[in-house]
Each structure stands twice: as C-alpha cells, then as structure tokens.
C-alpha cells in the first residue's frame, strides 16, 4: 500500500479473476488519504461492504467478505499498531488482541 493505493498484490492461489482485480487496482490513484490526513479516509468501500452483507442476508448467500476474513483484516491492523507502538516486528497470527496504549487511554472502568 502507498497511501490508499494498492501497488502490489500477490495471490496465494491464482484465479482467473485475479488479473481483472489487479487491472482495476492499477488504474486507481488516490490524491492522498488517511496516512497523511485521517479525516480524508472515505466511507465508500465500507458502504459497498454493508450493501453486500445486506444483499447476502436477503438472498441467503455468503457475503463477499465473511466474518473470519474480516477478522484477519482487523488482526493485521492491530499488528501494525502494535509494531508502531513498540518499534518491533509482530508475528501473526496474534496470540490475543494487544492492549495498545491508545486503547488503554479510552478503556472504561467496570460499573
């Protein structure tokens, strides 16, 4: 990733549609994004994801991205934050969700 652009994507198992995905991503270029300005992070991809989940529920099919695959994305993000916080590599899969300093600051005490 560079800013919001996917510049390289290696598929573990090649599929015929991979070339179309790579071509679509190669033609997209952002004008900056969340790395430089968190307020510039768009909601369009999330809105598409929500529509896909609602459609899958209505049709009784699996969504494009299911829960376990979504969890993998969250795990990668948590690992990036943990590595940035500690300055050290983080091994995946994580043993548990890390308690990051930023999360501790907002953690509520039990009522």
PDB file of N, CA and C in Angstrom:
ATOM      1  N   UNK A   1       0.846  -1.174   0.000  1.00  0.00           N
ATOM      2  CA  UNK A   1       0.000   0.000   0.000  1.00  0.00           C
ATOM      3  C   UNK A   1       0.891   1.237   0.000  1.00  0.00           C
ATOM      4  N   UNK A   2       0.474   2.199  -0.767  1.00  0.00           N
ATOM      5  CA  UNK A   2       1.036   3.535  -0.719  1.00  0.00           C
ATOM      6  C   UNK A   2      -0.146   4.476  -0.621  1.00  0.00           C
ATOM      7  N   UNK A   3      -0.224   5.201   0.521  1.00  0.00           N
ATOM      8  CA  UNK A   3      -1.413   5.996   0.823  1.00  0.00           C
ATOM      9  C   UNK A   3      -2.613   5.048   0.772  1.00  0.00           C
ATOM     10  N   UNK A   4      -3.565   5.296  -0.123  1.00  0.00           N
ATOM     11  CA  UNK A   4      -4.730   4.417  -0.244  1.00  0.00           C
ATOM     12  C   UNK A   4      -4.647   3.534  -1.480  1.00  0.00           C
ATOM     13  N   UNK A   5      -3.509   3.516  -2.143  1.00  0.00           N
ATOM     14  CA  UNK A   5      -3.369   2.763  -3.386  1.00  0.00           C
ATOM     15  C   UNK A   5      -2.722   1.406  -3.136  1.00  0.00           C
ATOM     16  N   UNK A   6      -3.308   0.378  -3.706  1.00  0.00           N
ATOM     17  CA  UNK A   6      -2.748  -0.957  -3.662  1.00  0.00           C
ATOM     18  C   UNK A   6      -1.760  -1.054  -4.815  1.00  0.00           C
ATOM     19  N   UNK A   7      -0.476  -1.124  -4.504  1.00  0.00           N
ATOM     20  CA  UNK A   7       0.530  -1.113  -5.562  1.00  0.00           C
ATOM     21  C   UNK A   7       1.057  -2.507  -5.892  1.00  0.00           C
ATOM     22  N   UNK A   8       0.854  -3.453  -4.993  1.00  0.00           N
ATOM     23  CA  UNK A   8       1.271  -4.831  -5.265  1.00  0.00           C
ATOM     24  C   UNK A   8       0.358  -5.770  -4.511  1.00  0.00           C
ATOM     25  N   UNK A   9      -0.060  -6.823  -5.193  1.00  0.00           N
ATOM     26  CA  UNK A   9      -0.936  -7.801  -4.570  1.00  0.00           C
ATOM     27  C   UNK A   9      -0.572  -9.153  -5.148  1.00  0.00           C
ATOM     28  N   UNK A  10      -0.004 -10.017  -4.324  1.00  0.00           N
ATOM     29  CA  UNK A  10       0.333 -11.372  -4.738  1.00  0.00           C
ATOM     30  C   UNK A  10      -0.729 -12.312  -4.181  1.00  0.00           C
ATOM     31  N   UNK A  11      -1.335 -13.079  -5.067  1.00  0.00           N
ATOM     32  CA  UNK A  11      -2.375 -14.000  -4.655  1.00  0.00           C
ATOM     33  C   UNK A  11      -1.767 -15.341  -4.256  1.00  0.00           C
ATOM     34  N   UNK A  12      -2.242 -15.892  -3.147  1.00  0.00           N
ATOM     35  CA  UNK A  12      -1.748 -17.190  -2.698  1.00  0.00           C
ATOM     36  C   UNK A  12      -2.136 -18.273  -3.703  1.00  0.00           C
ATOM     37  N   UNK A  13      -3.397 -18.270  -4.083  1.00  0.00           N
ATOM     38  CA  UNK A  13      -3.875 -19.214  -5.093  1.00  0.00           C
ATOM     39  C   UNK A  13      -4.433 -18.409  -6.254  1.00  0.00           C
ATOM     40  N   UNK A  14      -3.801 -18.516  -7.392  1.00  0.00           N
ATOM     41  CA  UNK A  14      -4.209 -17.744  -8.572  1.00  0.00           C
ATOM     42  C   UNK A  14      -5.583 -18.195  -9.062  1.00  0.00           C
ATOM     43  N   UNK A  15      -6.411 -17.213  -9.453  1.00  0.00           N
ATOM     44  CA  UNK A  15      -7.733 -17.473 -10.011  1.00  0.00           C
ATOM     45  C   UNK A  15      -7.889 -16.629 -11.274  1.00  0.00           C
ATOM     46  N   UNK A  16      -8.742 -17.037 -12.180  1.00  0.00           N
ATOM     47  CA  UNK A  16      -8.904 -16.285 -13.424  1.00  0.00           C
ATOM     48  C   UNK A  16      -9.275 -14.813 -13.216  1.00  0.00           C
ATOM     49  N   UNK A  17     -10.028 -14.499 -12.174  1.00  0.00           N
ATOM     50  CA  UNK A  17     -10.455 -13.109 -11.979  1.00  0.00           C
ATOM     51  C   UNK A  17      -9.371 -12.213 -11.381  1.00  0.00           C
ATOM     52  N   UNK A  18      -8.240 -12.797 -10.963  1.00  0.00           N
ATOM     53  CA  UNK A  18      -7.171 -12.012 -10.345  1.00  0.00           C
ATOM     54  C   UNK A  18      -6.662 -10.902 -11.253  1.00  0.00           C
ATOM     55  N   UNK A  19      -6.501 -11.197 -12.535  1.00  0.00           N
ATOM     56  CA  UNK A  19      -5.986 -10.192 -13.464  1.00  0.00           C
ATOM     57  C   UNK A  19      -6.915  -8.992 -13.546  1.00  0.00           C
ATOM     58  N   UNK A  20      -8.220  -9.226 -13.510  1.00  0.00           N
ATOM     59  CA  UNK A  20      -9.178  -8.123 -13.559  1.00  0.00           C
ATOM     60  C   UNK A  20      -9.077  -7.264 -12.293  1.00  0.00           C
ATOM     61  N   UNK A  21      -8.878  -7.906 -11.157  1.00  0.00           N
ATOM     62  CA  UNK A  21      -8.724  -7.161  -9.902  1.00  0.00           C
ATOM     63  C   UNK A  21      -7.464  -6.322  -9.953  1.00  0.00           C
ATOM     64  N   UNK A  22      -6.365  -6.923 -10.380  1.00  0.00           N
ATOM     65  CA  UNK A  22      -5.101  -6.188 -10.472  1.00  0.00           C
ATOM     66  C   UNK A  22      -5.204  -5.017 -11.438  1.00  0.00           C
ATOM     67  N   UNK A  23      -5.874  -5.213 -12.567  1.00  0.00           N
ATOM     68  CA  UNK A  23      -6.033  -4.138 -13.549  1.00  0.00           C
ATOM     69  C   UNK A  23      -6.873  -2.999 -12.960  1.00  0.00           C
ATOM     70  N   UNK A  24      -7.943  -3.340 -12.265  1.00  0.00           N
ATOM     71  CA  UNK A  24      -8.799  -2.317 -11.659  1.00  0.00           C
ATOM     72  C   UNK A  24      -8.035  -1.522 -10.605  1.00  0.00           C
ATOM     73  N   UNK A  25      -7.241  -2.202  -9.794  1.00  0.00           N
ATOM     74  CA  UNK A  25      -6.487  -1.513  -8.755  1.00  0.00           C
ATOM     75  C   UNK A  25      -5.371  -0.652  -9.357  1.00  0.00           C
ATOM     76  N   UNK A  26      -4.764  -1.098 -10.451  1.00  0.00           N
ATOM     77  CA  UNK A  26      -3.678  -0.342 -11.081  1.00  0.00           C
ATOM     78  C   UNK A  26      -4.166   0.981 -11.650  1.00  0.00           C
ATOM     79  N   UNK A  27      -5.428   1.032 -12.050  1.00  0.00           N
ATOM     80  CA  UNK A  27      -5.958   2.250 -12.658  1.00  0.00           C
ATOM     81  C   UNK A  27      -6.422   3.268 -11.623  1.00  0.00           C
ATOM     82  N   UNK A  28      -6.461   2.897 -10.356  1.00  0.00           N
ATOM     83  CA  UNK A  28      -6.927   3.816  -9.305  1.00  0.00           C
ATOM     84  C   UNK A  28      -5.746   4.508  -8.655  1.00  0.00           C
ATOM     85  N   UNK A  29      -5.851   5.782  -8.492  1.00  0.00           N
ATOM     86  CA  UNK A  29      -4.827   6.544  -7.783  1.00  0.00           C
ATOM     87  C   UNK A  29      -5.511   7.528  -6.862  1.00  0.00           C
ATOM     88  N   UNK A  30      -5.111   7.515  -5.615  1.00  0.00           N
ATOM     89  CA  UNK A  30      -5.707   8.455  -4.673  1.00  0.00           C
ATOM     90  C   UNK A  30      -4.946   9.769  -4.713  1.00  0.00           C
ATOM     91  N   UNK A  31      -5.553  10.775  -4.207  1.00  0.00           N
ATOM     92  CA  UNK A  31      -4.896  12.069  -4.124  1.00  0.00           C
ATOM     93  C   UNK A  31      -4.422  12.337  -2.718  1.00  0.00           C
ATOM     94  N   UNK A  32      -4.020  11.323  -2.022  1.00  0.00           N
ATOM     95  CA  UNK A  32      -3.676  11.434  -0.613  1.00  0.00           C
ATOM     96  C   UNK A  32      -4.665  10.578   0.145  1.00  0.00           C
ATOM     97  N   UNK A  33      -4.577  10.566   1.408  1.00  0.00           N
ATOM     98  CA  UNK A  33      -5.529   9.759   2.134  1.00  0.00           C
ATOM     99  C   UNK A  33      -5.251   9.728   3.609  1.00  0.00           C
ATOM    100  N   UNK A  34      -5.711   8.658   4.227  1.00  0.00           N
ATOM    101  CA  UNK A  34      -5.648   8.523   5.663  1.00  0.00           C
ATOM    102  C   UNK A  34      -4.256   8.559   6.247  1.00  0.00           C
ATOM    103  N   UNK A  35      -3.252   8.136   5.493  1.00  0.00           N
ATOM    104  CA  UNK A  35      -1.890   8.167   6.023  1.00  0.00           C
ATOM    105  C   UNK A  35      -1.445   9.598   6.279  1.00  0.00           C
ATOM    106  N   UNK A  36      -1.841  10.511   5.401  1.00  0.00           N
ATOM    107  CA  UNK A  36      -1.467  11.908   5.548  1.00  0.00           C
ATOM    108  C   UNK A  36      -2.514  12.699   6.325  1.00  0.00           C
ATOM    109  N   UNK A  37      -3.774  12.294   6.190  1.00  0.00           N
ATOM    110  CA  UNK A  37      -4.876  13.031   6.803  1.00  0.00           C
ATOM    111  C   UNK A  37      -5.996  12.057   7.150  1.00  0.00           C
ATOM    112  N   UNK A  38      -6.079  11.606   8.408  1.00  0.00           N
ATOM    113  CA  UNK A  38      -7.122  10.631   8.771  1.00  0.00           C
ATOM    114  C   UNK A  38      -8.534  11.082   8.418  1.00  0.00           C
ATOM    115  N   UNK A  39      -8.779  12.379   8.381  1.00  0.00           N
ATOM    116  CA  UNK A  39     -10.114  12.865   8.024  1.00  0.00           C
ATOM    117  C   UNK A  39     -10.427  12.622   6.555  1.00  0.00           C
ATOM    118  N   UNK A  40      -9.403  12.300   5.761  1.00  0.00           N
ATOM    119  CA  UNK A  40      -9.601  12.069   4.327  1.00  0.00           C
ATOM    120  C   UNK A  40     -10.011  10.633   4.015  1.00  0.00           C
ATOM    121  N   UNK A  41     -10.104   9.784   5.027  1.00  0.00           N
ATOM    122  CA  UNK A  41     -10.496   8.398   4.793  1.00  0.00           C
ATOM    123  C   UNK A  41     -11.963   8.368   4.378  1.00  0.00           C
ATOM    124  N   UNK A  42     -12.212   7.807   3.219  1.00  0.00           N
ATOM    125  CA  UNK A  42     -13.572   7.762   2.691  1.00  0.00           C
ATOM    126  C   UNK A  42     -14.391   6.628   3.273  1.00  0.00           C
ATOM    127  N   UNK A  43     -15.674   6.694   3.060  1.00  0.00           N
ATOM    128  CA  UNK A  43     -16.585   5.671   3.560  1.00  0.00           C
ATOM    129  C   UNK A  43     -17.130   4.786   2.437  1.00  0.00           C
ATOM    130  N   UNK A  44     -16.768   5.069   1.197  1.00  0.00           N
ATOM    131  CA  UNK A  44     -17.364   4.380   0.064  1.00  0.00           C
ATOM    132  C   UNK A  44     -17.166   2.869   0.111  1.00  0.00           C
ATOM    133  N   UNK A  45     -15.974   2.423   0.421  1.00  0.00           N
ATOM    134  CA  UNK A  45     -15.727   0.973   0.467  1.00  0.00           C
ATOM    135  C   UNK A  45     -16.548   0.316   1.571  1.00  0.00           C
ATOM    136  N   UNK A  46     -16.672   1.000   2.710  1.00  0.00           N
ATOM    137  CA  UNK A  46     -17.480   0.435   3.793  1.00  0.00           C
ATOM    138  C   UNK A  46     -18.947   0.370   3.393  1.00  0.00           C
ATOM    139  N   UNK A  47     -19.434   1.398   2.709  1.00  0.00           N
ATOM    140  CA  UNK A  47     -20.833   1.400   2.274  1.00  0.00           C
ATOM    141  C   UNK A  47     -21.093   0.239   1.313  1.00  0.00           C
ATOM    142  N   UNK A  48     -20.151  -0.029   0.400  1.00  0.00           N
ATOM    143  CA  UNK A  48     -20.292  -1.169  -0.521  1.00  0.00           C
ATOM    144  C   UNK A  48     -20.323  -2.476   0.271  1.00  0.00           C
ATOM    145  N   UNK A  49     -19.472  -2.562   1.274  1.00  0.00           N
ATOM    146  CA  UNK A  49     -19.415  -3.772   2.095  1.00  0.00           C
ATOM    147  C   UNK A  49     -20.734  -3.989   2.825  1.00  0.00           C
ATOM    148  N   UNK A  50     -21.285  -2.933   3.399  1.00  0.00           N
ATOM    149  CA  UNK A  50     -22.569  -3.045   4.106  1.00  0.00           C
ATOM    150  C   UNK A  50     -23.672  -3.482   3.146  1.00  0.00           C
ATOM    151  N   UNK A  51     -23.694  -2.889   1.943  1.00  0.00           N
ATOM    152  CA  UNK A  51     -24.712  -3.283   0.958  1.00  0.00           C
ATOM    153  C   UNK A  51     -24.570  -4.754   0.594  1.00  0.00           C
ATOM    154  N   UNK A  52     -23.328  -5.225   0.442  1.00  0.00           N
ATOM    155  CA  UNK A  52     -23.094  -6.618   0.097  1.00  0.00           C
ATOM    156  C   UNK A  52     -23.586  -7.553   1.197  1.00  0.00           C
ATOM    157  N   UNK A  53     -23.358  -7.199   2.456  1.00  0.00           N
ATOM    158  CA  UNK A  53     -23.801  -8.032   3.576  1.00  0.00           C
ATOM    159  C   UNK A  53     -25.328  -8.078   3.622  1.00  0.00           C
ATOM    160  N   UNK A  54     -25.962  -6.928   3.472  1.00  0.00           N
ATOM    161  CA  UNK A  54     -27.429  -6.891   3.480  1.00  0.00           C
ATOM    162  C   UNK A  54     -27.983  -7.726   2.323  1.00  0.00           C
ATOM    163  N   UNK A  55     -27.382  -7.600   1.149  1.00  0.00           N
ATOM    164  CA  UNK A  55     -27.814  -8.385  -0.016  1.00  0.00           C
ATOM    165  C   UNK A  55     -27.642  -9.884   0.257  1.00  0.00           C
ATOM    166  N   UNK A  56     -26.517 -10.276   0.832  1.00  0.00           N
ATOM    167  CA  UNK A  56     -26.265 -11.686   1.126  1.00  0.00           C
ATOM    168  C   UNK A  56     -27.290 -12.230   2.115  1.00  0.00           C
ATOM    169  N   UNK A  57     -27.626 -11.440   3.124  1.00  0.00           N
ATOM    170  CA  UNK A  57     -28.641 -11.873   4.089  1.00  0.00           C
ATOM    171  C   UNK A  57     -29.971 -12.071   3.384  1.00  0.00           C
ATOM    172  N   UNK A  58     -30.339 -11.100   2.553  1.00  0.00           N
ATOM    173  CA  UNK A  58     -31.614 -11.185   1.840  1.00  0.00           C
ATOM    174  C   UNK A  58     -31.691 -12.360   0.888  1.00  0.00           C
ATOM    175  N   UNK A  59     -30.560 -12.697   0.275  1.00  0.00           N
ATOM    176  CA  UNK A  59     -30.535 -13.790  -0.705  1.00  0.00           C
ATOM    177  C   UNK A  59     -30.155 -15.126  -0.088  1.00  0.00           C
ATOM    178  N   UNK A  60     -29.767 -15.117   1.194  1.00  0.00           N
ATOM    179  CA  UNK A  60     -29.349 -16.359   1.844  1.00  0.00           C
ATOM    180  C   UNK A  60     -28.033 -16.892   1.315  1.00  0.00           C
ATOM    181  N   UNK A  61     -27.140 -15.984   0.891  1.00  0.00           N
ATOM    182  CA  UNK A  61     -25.828 -16.376   0.371  1.00  0.00           C
ATOM    183  C   UNK A  61     -24.735 -15.841   1.288  1.00  0.00           C
ATOM    184  N   UNK A  62     -23.519 -16.237   1.020  1.00  0.00           N
ATOM    185  CA  UNK A  62     -22.386 -15.750   1.803  1.00  0.00           C
ATOM    186  C   UNK A  62     -21.969 -14.372   1.289  1.00  0.00           C
ATOM    187  N   UNK A  63     -21.603 -13.461   2.186  1.00  0.00           N
ATOM    188  CA  UNK A  63     -21.107 -12.162   1.732  1.00  0.00           C
ATOM    189  C   UNK A  63     -19.726 -12.324   1.090  1.00  0.00           C
ATOM    190  N   UNK A  64     -19.318 -11.326   0.350  1.00  0.00           N
ATOM    191  CA  UNK A  64     -18.006 -11.367  -0.295  1.00  0.00           C
ATOM    192  C   UNK A  64     -16.905 -11.540   0.738  1.00  0.00           C
ATOM    193  N   UNK A  65     -17.008 -10.810   1.847  1.00  0.00           N
ATOM    194  CA  UNK A  65     -16.041 -10.929   2.940  1.00  0.00           C
ATOM    195  C   UNK A  65     -16.819 -11.410   4.164  1.00  0.00           C
ATOM    196  N   UNK A  66     -16.490 -12.634   4.615  1.00  0.00           N
ATOM    197  CA  UNK A  66     -17.194 -13.187   5.769  1.00  0.00           C
ATOM    198  C   UNK A  66     -16.505 -12.781   7.070  1.00  0.00           C
ATOM    199  N   UNK A  67     -17.054 -13.184   8.180  1.00  0.00           N
ATOM    200  CA  UNK A  67     -16.520 -12.824   9.487  1.00  0.00           C
ATOM    201  C   UNK A  67     -15.069 -13.208   9.698  1.00  0.00           C
ATOM    202  N   UNK A  68     -14.688 -14.475   9.449  1.00  0.00           N
ATOM    203  CA  UNK A  68     -13.289 -14.847   9.656  1.00  0.00           C
ATOM    204  C   UNK A  68     -12.319 -14.032   8.784  1.00  0.00           C
ATOM    205  N   UNK A  69     -12.698 -13.744   7.556  1.00  0.00           N
ATOM    206  CA  UNK A  69     -11.817 -12.952   6.689  1.00  0.00           C
ATOM    207  C   UNK A  69     -11.733 -11.506   7.182  1.00  0.00           C
ATOM    208  N   UNK A  70     -12.850 -10.968   7.643  1.00  0.00           N
ATOM    209  CA  UNK A  70     -12.839  -9.624   8.219  1.00  0.00           C
ATOM    210  C   UNK A  70     -11.970  -9.571   9.460  1.00  0.00           C
ATOM    211  N   UNK A  71     -12.036 -10.615  10.268  1.00  0.00           N
ATOM    212  CA  UNK A  71     -11.219 -10.678  11.486  1.00  0.00           C
ATOM    213  C   UNK A  71      -9.736 -10.676  11.151  1.00  0.00           C
ATOM    214  N   UNK A  72      -9.365 -11.333  10.055  1.00  0.00           N
ATOM    215  CA  UNK A  72      -7.955 -11.329   9.634  1.00  0.00           C
ATOM    216  C   UNK A  72      -7.492  -9.911   9.341  1.00  0.00           C
ATOM    217  N   UNK A  73      -8.356  -9.109   8.723  1.00  0.00           N
ATOM    218  CA  UNK A  73      -8.008  -7.719   8.434  1.00  0.00           C
ATOM    219  C   UNK A  73      -7.801  -6.931   9.721  1.00  0.00           C
ATOM    220  N   UNK A  74      -8.694  -7.139  10.689  1.00  0.00           N
ATOM    221  CA  UNK A  74      -8.563  -6.458  11.975  1.00  0.00           C
ATOM    222  C   UNK A  74      -7.259  -6.871  12.653  1.00  0.00           C
ATOM    223  N   UNK A  75      -6.931  -8.157  12.574  1.00  0.00           N
ATOM    224  CA  UNK A  75      -5.700  -8.646  13.196  1.00  0.00           C
ATOM    225  C   UNK A  75      -4.467  -7.987  12.580  1.00  0.00           C
ATOM    226  N   UNK A  76      -4.471  -7.819  11.275  1.00  0.00           N
ATOM    227  CA  UNK A  76      -3.353  -7.158  10.605  1.00  0.00           C
ATOM    228  C   UNK A  76      -3.230  -5.710  11.076  1.00  0.00           C
ATOM    229  N   UNK A  77      -4.356  -5.027  11.168  1.00  0.00           N
ATOM    230  CA  UNK A  77      -4.339  -3.630  11.623  1.00  0.00           C
ATOM    231  C   UNK A  77      -3.822  -3.543  13.058  1.00  0.00           C
ATOM    232  N   UNK A  78      -4.294  -4.432  13.939  1.00  0.00           N
ATOM    233  CA  UNK A  78      -3.815  -4.443  15.322  1.00  0.00           C
ATOM    234  C   UNK A  78      -2.310  -4.715  15.373  1.00  0.00           C
ATOM    235  N   UNK A  79      -1.838  -5.615  14.522  1.00  0.00           N
ATOM    236  CA  UNK A  79      -0.401  -5.913  14.487  1.00  0.00           C
ATOM    237  C   UNK A  79       0.398  -4.697  14.017  1.00  0.00           C
ATOM    238  N   UNK A  80      -0.124  -3.972  13.044  1.00  0.00           N
ATOM    239  CA  UNK A  80       0.552  -2.757  12.571  1.00  0.00           C
ATOM    240  C   UNK A  80       0.644  -1.737  13.703  1.00  0.00           C
ATOM    241  N   UNK A  81      -0.468  -1.540  14.423  1.00  0.00           N
ATOM    242  CA  UNK A  81      -0.459  -0.592  15.538  1.00  0.00           C
ATOM    243  C   UNK A  81       0.531  -1.035  16.617  1.00  0.00           C
ATOM    244  N   UNK A  82       0.523  -2.332  16.949  1.00  0.00           N
ATOM    245  CA  UNK A  82       1.422  -2.838  17.989  1.00  0.00           C
ATOM    246  C   UNK A  82       2.882  -2.666  17.565  1.00  0.00           C
ATOM    247  N   UNK A  83       3.182  -2.951  16.314  1.00  0.00           N
ATOM    248  CA  UNK A  83       4.542  -2.778  15.818  1.00  0.00           C
ATOM    249  C   UNK A  83       4.965  -1.310  15.851  1.00  0.00           C
ATOM    250  N   UNK A  84       4.044  -0.419  15.472  1.00  0.00           N
ATOM    251  CA  UNK A  84       4.345   1.015  15.513  1.00  0.00           C
ATOM    252  C   UNK A  84       4.579   1.481  16.944  1.00  0.00           C
ATOM    253  N   UNK A  85       3.796   0.943  17.874  1.00  0.00           N
ATOM    254  CA  UNK A  85       3.913   1.337  19.278  1.00  0.00           C
ATOM    255  C   UNK A  85       5.219   0.847  19.898  1.00  0.00           C
ATOM    256  N   UNK A  86       5.633  -0.375  19.547  1.00  0.00           N
ATOM    257  CA  UNK A  86       6.815  -0.967  20.176  1.00  0.00           C
ATOM    258  C   UNK A  86       8.087  -0.809  19.355  1.00  0.00           C
ATOM    259  N   UNK A  87       7.924  -0.519  18.061  1.00  0.00           N
ATOM    260  CA  UNK A  87       9.095  -0.441  17.183  1.00  0.00           C
ATOM    261  C   UNK A  87       9.681  -1.806  16.864  1.00  0.00           C
ATOM    262  N   UNK A  88       8.901  -2.867  17.090  1.00  0.00           N
ATOM    263  CA  UNK A  88       9.385  -4.232  16.875  1.00  0.00           C
ATOM    264  C   UNK A  88       8.450  -4.980  15.934  1.00  0.00           C
ATOM    265  N   UNK A  89       8.991  -5.997  15.258  1.00  0.00           N
ATOM    266  CA  UNK A  89       8.113  -6.829  14.412  1.00  0.00           C
ATOM    267  C   UNK A  89       7.080  -7.562  15.260  1.00  0.00           C
ATOM    268  N   UNK A  90       5.948  -7.851  14.672  1.00  0.00           N
ATOM    269  CA  UNK A  90       4.882  -8.598  15.335  1.00  0.00           C
ATOM    270  C   UNK A  90       4.604  -9.842  14.499  1.00  0.00           C
ATOM    271  N   UNK A  91       4.547 -10.977  15.146  1.00  0.00           N
ATOM    272  CA  UNK A  91       4.321 -12.253  14.476  1.00  0.00           C
ATOM    273  C   UNK A  91       2.819 -12.533  14.411  1.00  0.00           C
ATOM    274  N   UNK A  92       2.361 -12.917  13.218  1.00  0.00           N
ATOM    275  CA  UNK A  92       0.967 -13.311  13.026  1.00  0.00           C
ATOM    276  C   UNK A  92       0.877 -14.815  12.906  1.00  0.00           C
ATOM    277  N   UNK A  93      -0.179 -15.453  13.358  1.00  0.00           N
ATOM    278  CA  UNK A  93      -1.335 -14.833  13.987  1.00  0.00           C
ATOM    279  C   UNK A  93      -1.006 -14.371  15.406  1.00  0.00           C
ATOM    280  N   UNK A  94      -1.741 -13.352  15.865  1.00  0.00           N
ATOM    281  CA  UNK A  94      -1.570 -12.851  17.218  1.00  0.00           C
ATOM    282  C   UNK A  94      -2.090 -13.885  18.205  1.00  0.00           C
ATOM    283  N   UNK A  95      -1.467 -13.959  19.384  1.00  0.00           N
ATOM    284  CA  UNK A  95      -1.960 -14.861  20.434  1.00  0.00           C
ATOM    285  C   UNK A  95      -3.265 -14.330  21.021  1.00  0.00           C
ATOM    286  N   UNK A  96      -3.378 -13.003  21.086  1.00  0.00           N
ATOM    287  CA  UNK A  96      -4.581 -12.344  21.592  1.00  0.00           C
ATOM    288  C   UNK A  96      -4.558 -10.905  21.100  1.00  0.00           C
ATOM    289  N   UNK A  97      -5.658 -10.200  21.267  1.00  0.00           N
ATOM    290  CA  UNK A  97      -5.685  -8.791  20.883  1.00  0.00           C
ATOM    291  C   UNK A  97      -4.746  -8.018  21.799  1.00  0.00           C
ATOM    292  N   UNK A  98      -3.839  -7.240  21.228  1.00  0.00           N
ATOM    293  CA  UNK A  98      -2.930  -6.475  22.088  1.00  0.00           C
ATOM    294  C   UNK A  98      -3.670  -5.319  22.760  1.00  0.00           C
ATOM    295  N   UNK A  99      -3.279  -5.015  24.006  1.00  0.00           N
ATOM    296  CA  UNK A  99      -3.823  -3.833  24.668  1.00  0.00           C
ATOM    297  C   UNK A  99      -2.875  -2.696  24.340  1.00  0.00           C
ATOM    298  N   UNK A 100      -3.252  -1.921  23.344  1.00  0.00           N
ATOM    299  CA  UNK A 100      -2.426  -0.822  22.878  1.00  0.00           C
ATOM    300  C   UNK A 100      -2.585   0.382  23.795  1.00  0.00           C
ATOM    301  N   UNK A 101      -1.536   1.199  23.878  1.00  0.00           N
ATOM    302  CA  UNK A 101      -1.602   2.388  24.725  1.00  0.00           C
ATOM    303  C   UNK A 101      -2.803   3.251  24.366  1.00  0.00           C
ATOM    304  N   UNK A 102      -3.057   3.428  23.079  1.00  0.00           N
ATOM    305  CA  UNK A 102      -4.177   4.261  22.651  1.00  0.00           C
ATOM    306  C   UNK A 102      -5.507   3.683  23.123  1.00  0.00           C
ATOM    307  N   UNK A 103      -5.620   2.359  23.176  1.00  0.00           N
ATOM    308  CA  UNK A 103      -6.863   1.730  23.634  1.00  0.00           C
ATOM    309  C   UNK A 103      -6.985   1.835  25.150  1.00  0.00           C
ATOM    310  N   UNK A 104      -5.866   1.751  25.881  1.00  0.00           N
ATOM    311  CA  UNK A 104      -5.901   1.853  27.342  1.00  0.00           C
ATOM    312  C   UNK A 104      -6.428   3.209  27.777  1.00  0.00           C
ATOM    313  N   UNK A 105      -6.083   4.226  27.028  1.00  0.00           N
ATOM    314  CA  UNK A 105      -6.486   5.590  27.365  1.00  0.00           C
ATOM    315  C   UNK A 105      -8.008   5.727  27.399  1.00  0.00           C
ATOM    316  N   UNK A 106      -8.694   4.955  26.540  1.00  0.00           N
ATOM    317  CA  UNK A 106     -10.140   5.076  26.432  1.00  0.00           C
ATOM    318  C   UNK A 106     -10.893   3.941  27.109  1.00  0.00           C
ATOM    319  N   UNK A 107     -10.183   3.009  27.722  1.00  0.00           N
ATOM    320  CA  UNK A 107     -10.834   1.873  28.367  1.00  0.00           C
ATOM    321  C   UNK A 107     -11.630   2.349  29.580  1.00  0.00           C
ATOM    322  N   UNK A 108     -12.875   1.916  29.658  1.00  0.00           N
ATOM    323  CA  UNK A 108     -13.735   2.313  30.769  1.00  0.00           C
ATOM    324  C   UNK A 108     -13.574   1.342  31.928  1.00  0.00           C
ATOM    325  N   UNK A 109     -13.714   1.872  33.094  1.00  0.00           N
ATOM    326  CA  UNK A 109     -13.708   1.031  34.286  1.00  0.00           C
ATOM    327  C   UNK A 109     -15.083   0.358  34.402  1.00  0.00           C
ATOM    328  N   UNK A 110     -15.136  -0.880  34.875  1.00  0.00           N
ATOM    329  CA  UNK A 110     -16.442  -1.551  35.038  1.00  0.00           C
ATOM    330  C   UNK A 110     -17.334  -0.772  35.991  1.00  0.00           C
ATOM    331  N   UNK A 111     -18.624  -0.757  35.684  1.00  0.00           N
ATOM    332  CA  UNK A 111     -19.581  -0.013  36.524  1.00  0.00           C
ATOM    333  C   UNK A 111     -19.971  -0.803  37.740  1.00  0.00           C
TER     334      UNK A 111
END
